[in-house]
PDB file of N, CA and C in Angstrom:
ATOM      1  N   MET A   1     -10.443  19.307 -13.087  1.00  0.00           N
ATOM      2  CA  MET A   1     -10.592  17.598 -11.362  1.00  0.00           C
ATOM      3  C   MET A   1     -10.519  17.033 -12.426  1.00  0.00           C
ATOM      4  N   ASP A   2      -9.580  16.151 -11.431  1.00  0.00           N
ATOM      5  CA  ASP A   2      -9.418  14.939 -12.381  1.00  0.00           C
ATOM      6  C   ASP A   2     -10.042  13.632 -11.714  1.00  0.00           C
ATOM      7  N   THR A   3     -11.314  12.751 -11.963  1.00  0.00           N
ATOM      8  CA  THR A   3     -10.568  11.867 -11.154  1.00  0.00           C
ATOM      9  C   THR A   3     -10.781  10.351 -11.649  1.00  0.00           C
ATOM     10  N   THR A   4     -10.745   9.286 -10.184  1.00  0.00           N
ATOM     11  CA  THR A   4      -9.964   7.615 -11.200  1.00  0.00           C
ATOM     12  C   THR A   4     -11.470   7.029  -9.872  1.00  0.00           C
ATOM     13  N   ASN A   5     -11.679   6.486 -11.353  1.00  0.00           N
ATOM     14  CA  ASN A   5     -12.665   5.376 -10.602  1.00  0.00           C
ATOM     15  C   ASN A   5     -12.064   3.947  -9.679  1.00  0.00           C
ATOM     16  N   LEU A   6     -11.894   3.801  -8.802  1.00  0.00           N
ATOM     17  CA  LEU A   6     -11.321   2.773  -7.664  1.00  0.00           C
ATOM     18  C   LEU A   6     -11.907   1.051  -8.332  1.00  0.00           C
ATOM     19  N   THR A   7     -12.801   1.081  -8.706  1.00  0.00           N
ATOM     20  CA  THR A   7     -13.052  -0.495  -8.804  1.00  0.00           C
ATOM     21  C   THR A   7     -12.296  -0.308  -9.931  1.00  0.00           C
ATOM     22  N   ASP A   8     -12.181   0.262 -11.064  1.00  0.00           N
ATOM     23  CA  ASP A   8     -11.625  -0.012 -12.161  1.00  0.00           C
ATOM     24  C   ASP A   8     -10.485  -0.369 -12.322  1.00  0.00           C
ATOM     25  N   LEU A   9      -9.928   0.762 -11.587  1.00  0.00           N
ATOM     26  CA  LEU A   9      -8.486   0.872 -11.440  1.00  0.00           C
ATOM     27  C   LEU A   9      -8.215  -0.521 -10.763  1.00  0.00           C
ATOM     28  N   ILE A  10      -8.504  -0.983  -9.324  1.00  0.00           N
ATOM     29  CA  ILE A  10      -8.215  -2.247  -8.881  1.00  0.00           C
ATOM     30  C   ILE A  10      -8.557  -3.200  -9.915  1.00  0.00           C
ATOM     31  N   ASP A  11      -8.960  -3.483 -11.155  1.00  0.00           N
ATOM     32  CA  ASP A  11      -9.303  -4.962 -11.811  1.00  0.00           C
ATOM     33  C   ASP A  11      -8.059  -4.670 -12.916  1.00  0.00           C
ATOM     34  N   GLN A  12      -7.950  -3.451 -13.140  1.00  0.00           N
ATOM     35  CA  GLN A  12      -6.295  -3.003 -13.579  1.00  0.00           C
ATOM     36  C   GLN A  12      -5.357  -3.834 -13.137  1.00  0.00           C
ATOM     37  N   GLN A  13      -5.322  -3.393 -12.251  1.00  0.00           N
ATOM     38  CA  GLN A  13      -3.806  -4.176 -11.276  1.00  0.00           C
ATOM     39  C   GLN A  13      -3.354  -5.516 -11.039  1.00  0.00           C
ATOM     40  N   LEU A  14      -5.051  -6.157 -10.712  1.00  0.00           N
ATOM     41  CA  LEU A  14      -5.249  -7.390 -10.314  1.00  0.00           C
ATOM     42  C   LEU A  14      -4.396  -8.250 -11.365  1.00  0.00           C
ATOM     43  N   THR A  15      -4.867  -8.062 -12.806  1.00  0.00           N
ATOM     44  CA  THR A  15      -3.884  -8.509 -13.818  1.00  0.00           C
ATOM     45  C   THR A  15      -2.903  -8.445 -14.483  1.00  0.00           C
ATOM     46  N   LEU A  16      -2.361  -7.048 -13.828  1.00  0.00           N
ATOM     47  CA  LEU A  16      -0.945  -6.461 -13.851  1.00  0.00           C
ATOM     48  C   LEU A  16      -0.477  -7.188 -12.983  1.00  0.00           C
ATOM     49  N   ALA A  17      -0.668  -7.810 -11.771  1.00  0.00           N
ATOM     50  CA  ALA A  17      -1.035  -8.033 -10.925  1.00  0.00           C
ATOM     51  C   ALA A  17      -0.180  -9.991 -11.350  1.00  0.00           C
ATOM     52  N   GLY A  18      -1.233 -10.273 -11.589  1.00  0.00           N
ATOM     53  CA  GLY A  18      -0.400 -11.919 -12.529  1.00  0.00           C
ATOM     54  C   GLY A  18      -0.244 -11.589 -13.866  1.00  0.00           C
ATOM     55  N   GLN A  19       0.621 -10.857 -14.293  1.00  0.00           N
ATOM     56  CA  GLN A  19       1.871 -10.898 -15.571  1.00  0.00           C
ATOM     57  C   GLN A  19       2.957 -11.033 -15.298  1.00  0.00           C
ATOM     58  N   GLY A  20       4.034 -11.539 -16.191  1.00  0.00           N
ATOM     59  CA  GLY A  20       5.035 -10.758 -16.322  1.00  0.00           C
ATOM     60  C   GLY A  20       6.166 -11.569 -14.772  1.00  0.00           C
ATOM     61  N   ASP A  21       6.508 -10.672 -13.719  1.00  0.00           N
ATOM     62  CA  ASP A  21       7.069 -10.904 -13.095  1.00  0.00           C
ATOM     63  C   ASP A  21       5.996 -12.339 -12.031  1.00  0.00           C
ATOM     64  N   THR A  22       7.083 -12.682 -11.126  1.00  0.00           N
ATOM     65  CA  THR A  22       6.490 -13.157  -9.655  1.00  0.00           C
ATOM     66  C   THR A  22       6.443 -12.730  -8.346  1.00  0.00           C
ATOM     67  N   SER A  23       6.034 -10.863  -8.217  1.00  0.00           N
ATOM     68  CA  SER A  23       5.860  -9.993  -7.071  1.00  0.00           C
ATOM     69  C   SER A  23       4.609 -10.666  -6.491  1.00  0.00           C
ATOM     70  N   GLY A  24       3.774 -11.068  -7.613  1.00  0.00           N
ATOM     71  CA  GLY A  24       2.046 -10.621  -7.389  1.00  0.00           C
ATOM     72  C   GLY A  24       1.377  -9.483  -6.985  1.00  0.00           C
ATOM     73  N   ARG A  25       2.236  -8.103  -7.031  1.00  0.00           N
ATOM     74  CA  ARG A  25       1.536  -7.035  -7.327  1.00  0.00           C
ATOM     75  C   ARG A  25       1.898  -6.136  -7.818  1.00  0.00           C
ATOM     76  N   SER A  26       0.924  -5.007  -8.039  1.00  0.00           N
ATOM     77  CA  SER A  26       1.290  -3.607  -8.530  1.00  0.00           C
ATOM     78  C   SER A  26       0.951  -2.937  -8.069  1.00  0.00           C
ATOM     79  N   ALA A  27       0.838  -1.211  -8.577  1.00  0.00           N
ATOM     80  CA  ALA A  27       0.658  -0.560  -7.694  1.00  0.00           C
ATOM     81  C   ALA A  27       0.404   0.710  -8.441  1.00  0.00           C
ATOM     82  N   ARG A  28      -0.251   1.840  -8.730  1.00  0.00           N
ATOM     83  CA  ARG A  28      -0.256   2.996  -9.301  1.00  0.00           C
ATOM     84  C   ARG A  28      -0.244   3.820  -7.875  1.00  0.00           C
ATOM     85  N   THR A  29       0.334   5.141  -8.582  1.00  0.00           N
ATOM     86  CA  THR A  29       0.306   6.419  -7.488  1.00  0.00           C
ATOM     87  C   THR A  29      -1.112   7.615  -7.854  1.00  0.00           C
ATOM     88  N   LEU A  30      -1.508   7.637  -7.151  1.00  0.00           N
ATOM     89  CA  LEU A  30      -2.816   8.590  -7.400  1.00  0.00           C
ATOM     90  C   LEU A  30      -2.092  10.006  -7.755  1.00  0.00           C
ATOM     91  N   HIS A  31      -1.708  10.264  -6.686  1.00  0.00           N
ATOM     92  CA  HIS A  31      -1.370  11.771  -6.471  1.00  0.00           C
ATOM     93  C   HIS A  31      -0.075  11.394  -5.386  1.00  0.00           C
ATOM     94  N   GLY A  32       0.607  12.728  -6.018  1.00  0.00           N
ATOM     95  CA  GLY A  32       1.868  12.768  -4.888  1.00  0.00           C
ATOM     96  C   GLY A  32       3.238  11.905  -6.129  1.00  0.00           C
ATOM     97  N   GLY A  33       3.739  11.455  -5.694  1.00  0.00           N
ATOM     98  CA  GLY A  33       5.425  11.104  -6.504  1.00  0.00           C
ATOM     99  C   GLY A  33       6.287  11.754  -5.565  1.00  0.00           C
ATOM    100  N   LYS A  34       7.583  11.525  -6.670  1.00  0.00           N
ATOM    101  CA  LYS A  34       8.596  12.731  -6.573  1.00  0.00           C
ATOM    102  C   LYS A  34       8.195  14.484  -5.811  1.00  0.00           C
ATOM    103  N   GLY A  35       9.303  14.651  -5.425  1.00  0.00           N
ATOM    104  CA  GLY A  35       8.514  15.879  -4.936  1.00  0.00           C
ATOM    105  C   GLY A  35       7.884  16.425  -3.744  1.00  0.00           C
ATOM    106  N   ASN A  36       7.129  15.419  -3.981  1.00  0.00           N
ATOM    107  CA  ASN A  36       5.892  16.007  -2.774  1.00  0.00           C
ATOM    108  C   ASN A  36       5.619  14.839  -1.976  1.00  0.00           C
ATOM    109  N   ALA A  37       5.989  15.963  -0.507  1.00  0.00           N
ATOM    110  CA  ALA A  37       5.307  14.881   0.609  1.00  0.00           C
ATOM    111  C   ALA A  37       4.459  14.079   0.725  1.00  0.00           C
ATOM    112  N   LEU A  38       3.011  14.355   0.337  1.00  0.00           N
ATOM    113  CA  LEU A  38       2.018  13.142   0.510  1.00  0.00           C
ATOM    114  C   LEU A  38       1.756  12.015  -0.788  1.00  0.00           C
ATOM    115  N   ARG A  39       1.845  11.762  -1.267  1.00  0.00           N
ATOM    116  CA  ARG A  39       1.592  10.346  -1.927  1.00  0.00           C
ATOM    117  C   ARG A  39       0.420   9.158  -1.603  1.00  0.00           C
ATOM    118  N   GLN A  40      -0.683   9.148  -2.580  1.00  0.00           N
ATOM    119  CA  GLN A  40      -1.272   7.760  -2.228  1.00  0.00           C
ATOM    120  C   GLN A  40      -1.667   6.647  -3.038  1.00  0.00           C
ATOM    121  N   THR A  41      -1.689   6.137  -3.413  1.00  0.00           N
ATOM    122  CA  THR A  41      -0.734   4.845  -3.701  1.00  0.00           C
ATOM    123  C   THR A  41      -1.808   3.819  -3.900  1.00  0.00           C
ATOM    124  N   VAL A  42      -3.083   2.983  -4.948  1.00  0.00           N
ATOM    125  CA  VAL A  42      -3.477   1.998  -4.740  1.00  0.00           C
ATOM    126  C   VAL A  42      -2.784   0.708  -4.912  1.00  0.00           C
ATOM    127  N   VAL A  43      -2.739  -0.392  -3.579  1.00  0.00           N
ATOM    128  CA  VAL A  43      -1.739  -0.893  -3.925  1.00  0.00           C
ATOM    129  C   VAL A  43      -2.066  -2.786  -4.306  1.00  0.00           C
ATOM    130  N   VAL A  44      -2.387  -3.334  -4.554  1.00  0.00           N
ATOM    131  CA  VAL A  44      -2.459  -4.423  -5.353  1.00  0.00           C
ATOM    132  C   VAL A  44      -1.741  -6.336  -4.932  1.00  0.00           C
ATOM    133  N   MET A  45      -2.562  -6.886  -4.392  1.00  0.00           N
ATOM    134  CA  MET A  45      -1.404  -7.833  -3.510  1.00  0.00           C
ATOM    135  C   MET A  45      -2.208  -8.934  -4.116  1.00  0.00           C
ATOM    136  N   LEU A  46      -1.561 -10.094  -4.995  1.00  0.00           N
ATOM    137  CA  LEU A  46      -2.447 -11.443  -4.972  1.00  0.00           C
ATOM    138  C   LEU A  46      -1.917 -12.339  -3.970  1.00  0.00           C
ATOM    139  N   ALA A  47      -2.903 -12.814  -3.493  1.00  0.00           N
ATOM    140  CA  ALA A  47      -3.456 -14.061  -2.531  1.00  0.00           C
ATOM    141  C   ALA A  47      -1.750 -14.642  -2.380  1.00  0.00           C
ATOM    142  N   GLY A  48      -1.500 -14.757  -1.298  1.00  0.00           N
ATOM    143  CA  GLY A  48      -0.174 -14.891  -1.013  1.00  0.00           C
ATOM    144  C   GLY A  48       1.460 -14.974  -0.954  1.00  0.00           C
ATOM    145  N   HIS A  49       1.494 -13.336  -1.910  1.00  0.00           N
ATOM    146  CA  HIS A  49       2.461 -12.939  -1.378  1.00  0.00           C
ATOM    147  C   HIS A  49       2.285 -11.911  -0.597  1.00  0.00           C
ATOM    148  N   ARG A  50       3.900 -11.361  -0.718  1.00  0.00           N
ATOM    149  CA  ARG A  50       4.602 -10.797   0.451  1.00  0.00           C
ATOM    150  C   ARG A  50       4.712  -9.361  -0.125  1.00  0.00           C
ATOM    151  N   MET A  51       4.641  -8.362   1.089  1.00  0.00           N
ATOM    152  CA  MET A  51       5.771  -6.993   0.491  1.00  0.00           C
ATOM    153  C   MET A  51       6.772  -7.498   1.455  1.00  0.00           C
ATOM    154  N   ASP A  52       7.997  -7.307   1.272  1.00  0.00           N
ATOM    155  CA  ASP A  52       9.337  -7.698   2.056  1.00  0.00           C
ATOM    156  C   ASP A  52       9.198  -6.845   3.245  1.00  0.00           C
ATOM    157  N   GLU A  53      10.072  -6.780   4.483  1.00  0.00           N
ATOM    158  CA  GLU A  53       9.976  -5.980   5.361  1.00  0.00           C
ATOM    159  C   GLU A  53      10.548  -5.108   4.519  1.00  0.00           C
ATOM    160  N   HIS A  54      10.120  -3.600   5.353  1.00  0.00           N
ATOM    161  CA  HIS A  54      10.835  -2.317   4.756  1.00  0.00           C
ATOM    162  C   HIS A  54      10.587  -1.763   6.414  1.00  0.00           C
ATOM    163  N   LEU A  55      11.300  -0.435   5.938  1.00  0.00           N
ATOM    164  CA  LEU A  55      10.445   0.927   6.751  1.00  0.00           C
ATOM    165  C   LEU A  55      10.195   1.984   5.553  1.00  0.00           C
ATOM    166  N   SER A  56       8.661   2.251   6.220  1.00  0.00           N
ATOM    167  CA  SER A  56       8.179   3.433   5.825  1.00  0.00           C
ATOM    168  C   SER A  56       9.187   4.449   5.330  1.00  0.00           C
ATOM    169  N   PRO A  57       9.344   5.639   4.608  1.00  0.00           N
ATOM    170  CA  PRO A  57       9.365   6.405   4.447  1.00  0.00           C
ATOM    171  C   PRO A  57       8.878   8.199   5.153  1.00  0.00           C
ATOM    172  N   GLY A  58       8.166   7.061   5.955  1.00  0.00           N
ATOM    173  CA  GLY A  58       7.050   8.931   6.855  1.00  0.00           C
ATOM    174  C   GLY A  58       5.906   8.392   7.034  1.00  0.00           C
ATOM    175  N   GLU A  59       5.044   9.106   8.044  1.00  0.00           N
ATOM    176  CA  GLU A  59       4.120   8.265   8.333  1.00  0.00           C
ATOM    177  C   GLU A  59       2.648   8.295   7.413  1.00  0.00           C
ATOM    178  N   ALA A  60       2.809   6.545   7.362  1.00  0.00           N
ATOM    179  CA  ALA A  60       1.568   6.447   6.598  1.00  0.00           C
ATOM    180  C   ALA A  60       0.170   5.146   6.999  1.00  0.00           C
ATOM    181  N   THR A  61      -0.374   5.105   6.388  1.00  0.00           N
ATOM    182  CA  THR A  61      -1.473   4.321   6.506  1.00  0.00           C
ATOM    183  C   THR A  61      -2.419   4.132   5.433  1.00  0.00           C
ATOM    184  N   LEU A  62      -2.848   2.564   6.004  1.00  0.00           N
ATOM    185  CA  LEU A  62      -3.610   1.954   4.833  1.00  0.00           C
ATOM    186  C   LEU A  62      -5.094   1.966   4.669  1.00  0.00           C
ATOM    187  N   LEU A  63      -5.980   2.412   3.997  1.00  0.00           N
ATOM    188  CA  LEU A  63      -7.123   1.868   3.453  1.00  0.00           C
ATOM    189  C   LEU A  63      -7.141   0.710   3.091  1.00  0.00           C
ATOM    190  N   LEU A  64      -8.385  -0.479   3.537  1.00  0.00           N
ATOM    191  CA  LEU A  64      -8.457  -1.408   2.871  1.00  0.00           C
ATOM    192  C   LEU A  64      -8.999  -1.763   2.096  1.00  0.00           C
ATOM    193  N   LEU A  65      -9.214  -1.557   0.890  1.00  0.00           N
ATOM    194  CA  LEU A  65     -10.072  -1.857   0.166  1.00  0.00           C
ATOM    195  C   LEU A  65     -10.815  -2.869  -0.445  1.00  0.00           C
ATOM    196  N   ALA A  66     -10.518  -3.706  -0.650  1.00  0.00           N
ATOM    197  CA  ALA A  66     -11.004  -5.531  -0.668  1.00  0.00           C
ATOM    198  C   ALA A  66     -10.076  -6.302  -0.571  1.00  0.00           C
ATOM    199  N   GLY A  67      -9.817  -6.990  -0.011  1.00  0.00           N
ATOM    200  CA  GLY A  67      -9.693  -8.412   0.371  1.00  0.00           C
ATOM    201  C   GLY A  67      -9.098  -8.302   1.654  1.00  0.00           C
ATOM    202  N   SER A  68      -8.066  -9.273   2.300  1.00  0.00           N
ATOM    203  CA  SER A  68      -6.906  -8.752   3.677  1.00  0.00           C
ATOM    204  C   SER A  68      -5.797  -9.130   3.526  1.00  0.00           C
ATOM    205  N   VAL A  69      -5.323  -8.596   4.476  1.00  0.00           N
ATOM    206  CA  VAL A  69      -3.738  -8.649   4.354  1.00  0.00           C
ATOM    207  C   VAL A  69      -3.954  -8.559   6.364  1.00  0.00           C
ATOM    208  N   ARG A  70      -1.831  -8.996   6.043  1.00  0.00           N
ATOM    209  CA  ARG A  70      -1.467  -9.397   7.612  1.00  0.00           C
ATOM    210  C   ARG A  70      -0.078  -8.290   8.029  1.00  0.00           C
ATOM    211  N   VAL A  71      -0.137  -8.074   8.696  1.00  0.00           N
ATOM    212  CA  VAL A  71       0.699  -6.142   8.905  1.00  0.00           C
ATOM    213  C   VAL A  71       1.969  -7.152  10.402  1.00  0.00           C
ATOM    214  N   HIS A  72       2.962  -7.693   9.693  1.00  0.00           N
ATOM    215  CA  HIS A  72       3.949  -7.759  10.832  1.00  0.00           C
ATOM    216  C   HIS A  72       5.011  -7.239  10.832  1.00  0.00           C
ATOM    217  N   THR A  73       5.352  -6.973  12.441  1.00  0.00           N
ATOM    218  CA  THR A  73       6.331  -5.934  12.657  1.00  0.00           C
ATOM    219  C   THR A  73       7.605  -7.088  13.255  1.00  0.00           C
ATOM    220  N   ALA A  74       8.077  -6.675  14.380  1.00  0.00           N
ATOM    221  CA  ALA A  74       9.038  -7.547  14.924  1.00  0.00           C
ATOM    222  C   ALA A  74       8.358  -7.737  16.092  1.00  0.00           C
ATOM    223  N   ASP A  75       7.839  -7.737  16.678  1.00  0.00           N
ATOM    224  CA  ASP A  75       7.157  -8.414  18.270  1.00  0.00           C
ATOM    225  C   ASP A  75       4.911  -8.529  18.224  1.00  0.00           C
ATOM    226  N   ARG A  76       4.779  -8.119  16.821  1.00  0.00           N
ATOM    227  CA  ARG A  76       3.187  -8.254  16.411  1.00  0.00           C
ATOM    228  C   ARG A  76       2.870  -8.360  15.749  1.00  0.00           C
ATOM    229  N   GLN A  77       1.638  -9.246  15.271  1.00  0.00           N
ATOM    230  CA  GLN A  77       1.114  -8.940  13.953  1.00  0.00           C
ATOM    231  C   GLN A  77      -0.723  -8.141  13.758  1.00  0.00           C
ATOM    232  N   ILE A  78      -0.533  -8.013  12.969  1.00  0.00           N
ATOM    233  CA  ILE A  78      -2.179  -7.366  13.183  1.00  0.00           C
ATOM    234  C   ILE A  78      -3.292  -7.800  11.643  1.00  0.00           C
ATOM    235  N   ASP A  79      -4.347  -8.441  11.718  1.00  0.00           N
ATOM    236  CA  ASP A  79      -4.607  -8.709  10.267  1.00  0.00           C
ATOM    237  C   ASP A  79      -5.946  -8.000  10.129  1.00  0.00           C
ATOM    238  N   VAL A  80      -5.739  -7.120   8.814  1.00  0.00           N
ATOM    239  CA  VAL A  80      -6.140  -5.920   8.483  1.00  0.00           C
ATOM    240  C   VAL A  80      -7.465  -6.089   7.499  1.00  0.00           C
ATOM    241  N   GLY A  81      -9.079  -6.195   7.633  1.00  0.00           N
ATOM    242  CA  GLY A  81      -9.617  -6.786   6.731  1.00  0.00           C
ATOM    243  C   GLY A  81     -10.273  -5.546   5.885  1.00  0.00           C
ATOM    244  N   GLU A  82     -11.760  -6.056   5.115  1.00  0.00           N
ATOM    245  CA  GLU A  82     -11.441  -5.631   3.836  1.00  0.00           C
ATOM    246  C   GLU A  82     -12.839  -3.794   4.533  1.00  0.00           C
ATOM    247  N   GLY A  83     -12.635  -2.737   4.544  1.00  0.00           N
ATOM    248  CA  GLY A  83     -12.706  -1.601   5.470  1.00  0.00           C
ATOM    249  C   GLY A  83     -11.678  -1.024   5.848  1.00  0.00           C
ATOM    250  N   ASP A  84     -11.351  -1.533   7.075  1.00  0.00           N
ATOM    251  CA  ASP A  84      -9.621  -1.407   7.456  1.00  0.00           C
ATOM    252  C   ASP A  84      -9.475  -0.341   7.453  1.00  0.00           C
ATOM    253  N   PHE A  85      -9.390   0.319   8.696  1.00  0.00           N
ATOM    254  CA  PHE A  85      -8.035   2.175   8.315  1.00  0.00           C
ATOM    255  C   PHE A  85      -6.873   1.029   9.412  1.00  0.00           C
ATOM    256  N   ILE A  86      -5.910   1.390   9.235  1.00  0.00           N
ATOM    257  CA  ILE A  86      -4.812   1.718  10.173  1.00  0.00           C
ATOM    258  C   ILE A  86      -4.232   2.354  10.126  1.00  0.00           C
ATOM    259  N   VAL A  87      -3.042   2.608  10.827  1.00  0.00           N
ATOM    260  CA  VAL A  87      -1.343   3.651  10.650  1.00  0.00           C
ATOM    261  C   VAL A  87      -0.642   3.148  10.564  1.00  0.00           C
ATOM    262  N   LEU A  88       0.131   2.971   9.538  1.00  0.00           N
ATOM    263  CA  LEU A  88       1.264   1.712  10.232  1.00  0.00           C
ATOM    264  C   LEU A  88       2.450   2.599  11.082  1.00  0.00           C
ATOM    265  N   PRO A  89       2.520   0.540  11.694  1.00  0.00           N
ATOM    266  CA  PRO A  89       4.091   0.783  12.943  1.00  0.00           C
ATOM    267  C   PRO A  89       5.372   1.659  12.303  1.00  0.00           C
ATOM    268  N   ARG A  90       5.839   2.703  12.559  1.00  0.00           N
ATOM    269  CA  ARG A  90       7.084   3.654  12.350  1.00  0.00           C
ATOM    270  C   ARG A  90       8.323   2.682  12.502  1.00  0.00           C
ATOM    271  N   GLU A  91       8.737   0.763  12.701  1.00  0.00           N
ATOM    272  CA  GLU A  91       9.467   0.531  12.499  1.00  0.00           C
ATOM    273  C   GLU A  91       8.806  -0.561  11.834  1.00  0.00           C
ATOM    274  N   ARG A  92      10.208  -1.335  11.119  1.00  0.00           N
ATOM    275  CA  ARG A  92      10.388  -2.521  10.437  1.00  0.00           C
ATOM    276  C   ARG A  92       9.410  -2.983  10.253  1.00  0.00           C
ATOM    277  N   HIS A  93       8.784  -3.505   8.989  1.00  0.00           N
ATOM    278  CA  HIS A  93       7.107  -3.994   8.513  1.00  0.00           C
ATOM    279  C   HIS A  93       7.042  -5.011   7.233  1.00  0.00           C
ATOM    280  N   SER A  94       6.055  -5.580   7.866  1.00  0.00           N
ATOM    281  CA  SER A  94       5.822  -7.001   6.484  1.00  0.00           C
ATOM    282  C   SER A  94       4.645  -6.962   5.911  1.00  0.00           C
ATOM    283  N   VAL A  95       4.087  -7.165   4.929  1.00  0.00           N
ATOM    284  CA  VAL A  95       2.347  -7.248   4.034  1.00  0.00           C
ATOM    285  C   VAL A  95       2.209  -8.592   3.438  1.00  0.00           C
ATOM    286  N   ASP A  96       1.509  -9.562   4.235  1.00  0.00           N
ATOM    287  CA  ASP A  96       1.087 -10.629   3.695  1.00  0.00           C
ATOM    288  C   ASP A  96      -0.425 -10.482   3.419  1.00  0.00           C
ATOM    289  N   ALA A  97      -0.444 -11.338   1.640  1.00  0.00           N
ATOM    290  CA  ALA A  97      -1.927 -10.382   1.188  1.00  0.00           C
ATOM    291  C   ALA A  97      -2.453 -11.980   1.377  1.00  0.00           C
ATOM    292  N   LEU A  98      -3.506 -12.384   2.019  1.00  0.00           N
ATOM    293  CA  LEU A  98      -4.471 -13.674   3.141  1.00  0.00           C
ATOM    294  C   LEU A  98      -4.866 -13.566   1.883  1.00  0.00           C
ATOM    295  N   GLU A  99      -5.818 -12.730  -0.050  1.00  0.00           N
ATOM    296  CA  GLU A  99      -6.388 -13.577  -0.433  1.00  0.00           C
ATOM    297  C   GLU A  99      -5.963 -12.117  -1.302  1.00  0.00           C
ATOM    298  N   ASP A 100      -6.886 -11.812  -2.571  1.00  0.00           N
ATOM    299  CA  ASP A 100      -6.662 -11.193  -3.518  1.00  0.00           C
ATOM    300  C   ASP A 100      -6.777  -9.761  -3.181  1.00  0.00           C
ATOM    301  N   THR A 101      -5.853  -8.578  -2.883  1.00  0.00           N
ATOM    302  CA  THR A 101      -6.112  -7.834  -1.858  1.00  0.00           C
ATOM    303  C   THR A 101      -5.867  -6.024  -2.514  1.00  0.00           C
ATOM    304  N   ALA A 102      -6.476  -5.440  -2.717  1.00  0.00           N
ATOM    305  CA  ALA A 102      -6.390  -3.645  -2.602  1.00  0.00           C
ATOM    306  C   ALA A 102      -6.495  -2.917  -1.675  1.00  0.00           C
ATOM    307  N   PHE A 103      -5.795  -1.863  -1.334  1.00  0.00           N
ATOM    308  CA  PHE A 103      -5.929  -0.713  -0.128  1.00  0.00           C
ATOM    309  C   PHE A 103      -4.912   0.630  -0.854  1.00  0.00           C
ATOM    310  N   LEU A 104      -5.368   1.733  -0.226  1.00  0.00           N
ATOM    311  CA  LEU A 104      -4.880   2.961  -0.604  1.00  0.00           C
ATOM    312  C   LEU A 104      -3.696   3.365   0.761  1.00  0.00           C
ATOM    313  N   LEU A 105      -2.262   3.273   0.144  1.00  0.00           N
ATOM    314  CA  LEU A 105      -1.434   3.233   1.018  1.00  0.00           C
ATOM    315  C   LEU A 105      -0.930   5.457   0.227  1.00  0.00           C
ATOM    316  N   THR A 106      -0.651   5.891   2.163  1.00  0.00           N
ATOM    317  CA  THR A 106      -1.034   7.051   2.217  1.00  0.00           C
ATOM    318  C   THR A 106       0.171   6.741   2.813  1.00  0.00           C
ATOM    319  N   VAL A 107       1.545   8.020   1.839  1.00  0.00           N
ATOM    320  CA  VAL A 107       2.690   8.549   3.182  1.00  0.00           C
ATOM    321  C   VAL A 107       2.732   9.475   3.066  1.00  0.00           C
ATOM    322  N   ILE A 108       3.160  10.069   3.379  1.00  0.00           N
ATOM    323  CA  ILE A 108       3.780  11.774   3.943  1.00  0.00           C
ATOM    324  C   ILE A 108       5.267  11.525   4.290  1.00  0.00           C
ATOM    325  N   LYS A 109       5.909  12.588   3.765  1.00  0.00           N
ATOM    326  CA  LYS A 109       7.120  11.832   3.984  1.00  0.00           C
ATOM    327  C   LYS A 109       7.875  13.180   5.332  1.00  0.00           C
ATOM    328  N   PRO A 110       8.434  13.339   5.717  1.00  0.00           N
ATOM    329  CA  PRO A 110       8.945  14.014   6.888  1.00  0.00           C
ATOM    330  C   PRO A 110       9.626  15.430   5.993  1.00  0.00           C
ATOM    331  N   LEU A 111       9.560  16.692   6.666  1.00  0.00           N
ATOM    332  CA  LEU A 111      10.098  17.482   5.854  1.00  0.00           C
ATOM    333  C   LEU A 111      12.113  17.705   6.236  1.00  0.00           C
ATOM    334  N   GLY A 112      12.406  18.111   5.496  1.00  0.00           N
ATOM    335  CA  GLY A 112      14.061  17.398   6.524  1.00  0.00           C
ATOM    336  C   GLY A 112      14.159  16.407   5.083  1.00  0.00           C
ATOM    337  N   HIS A 113      13.660  16.593   4.493  1.00  0.00           N
ATOM    338  CA  HIS A 113      13.793  15.240   3.247  1.00  0.00           C
ATOM    339  C   HIS A 113      13.670  16.334   1.449  1.00  0.00           C
ATOM    340  N   GLY A 114      13.954  17.574   1.250  1.00  0.00           N
ATOM    341  CA  GLY A 114      14.293  17.649   0.338  1.00  0.00           C
ATOM    342  C   GLY A 114      12.708  18.601   0.563  1.00  0.00           C
ATOM    343  N   TYR A 115      12.140  18.159   1.661  1.00  0.00           N
ATOM    344  CA  TYR A 115      11.153  19.569   0.808  1.00  0.00           C
ATOM    345  C   TYR A 115      10.524  20.645   1.854  1.00  0.00           C
ATOM    346  N   SER A 116      10.034  21.253   1.658  1.00  0.00           N
ATOM    347  CA  SER A 116      10.077  22.530   2.509  1.00  0.00           C
ATOM    348  C   SER A 116       8.564  22.525   3.191  1.00  0.00           C
ATOM    349  N   GLU A 117       8.068  23.180   3.696  1.00  0.00           N
ATOM    350  CA  GLU A 117       6.479  23.495   4.392  1.00  0.00           C
ATOM    351  C   GLU A 117       5.774  24.291   3.630  1.00  0.00           C
TER     352      GLU A 117
END
């Protein structure tokens, strides 16, 4: 059984997000990935950066570990703060980091995408 210290991981990812490219974000998958229906990823975004509009490949939730974000859809927006948990909309959405932010993104891809029960 492996453990991951999220505080240390967030610090590492914040450093990576500030290096190299201009995306202002970094991510590390903790569980799942290619070939798995369940994927859990820690995503870090620096203040003022955006995750452009996209559609989730399956059901998704977001647990804010630090900071705050604003989630936008075509007709609404919601501010999410530290400790908040939301079910992401099953429609196109974008995410803006209102401050340096870390969240746990959990995605469950539906059956029929190369996965079986």
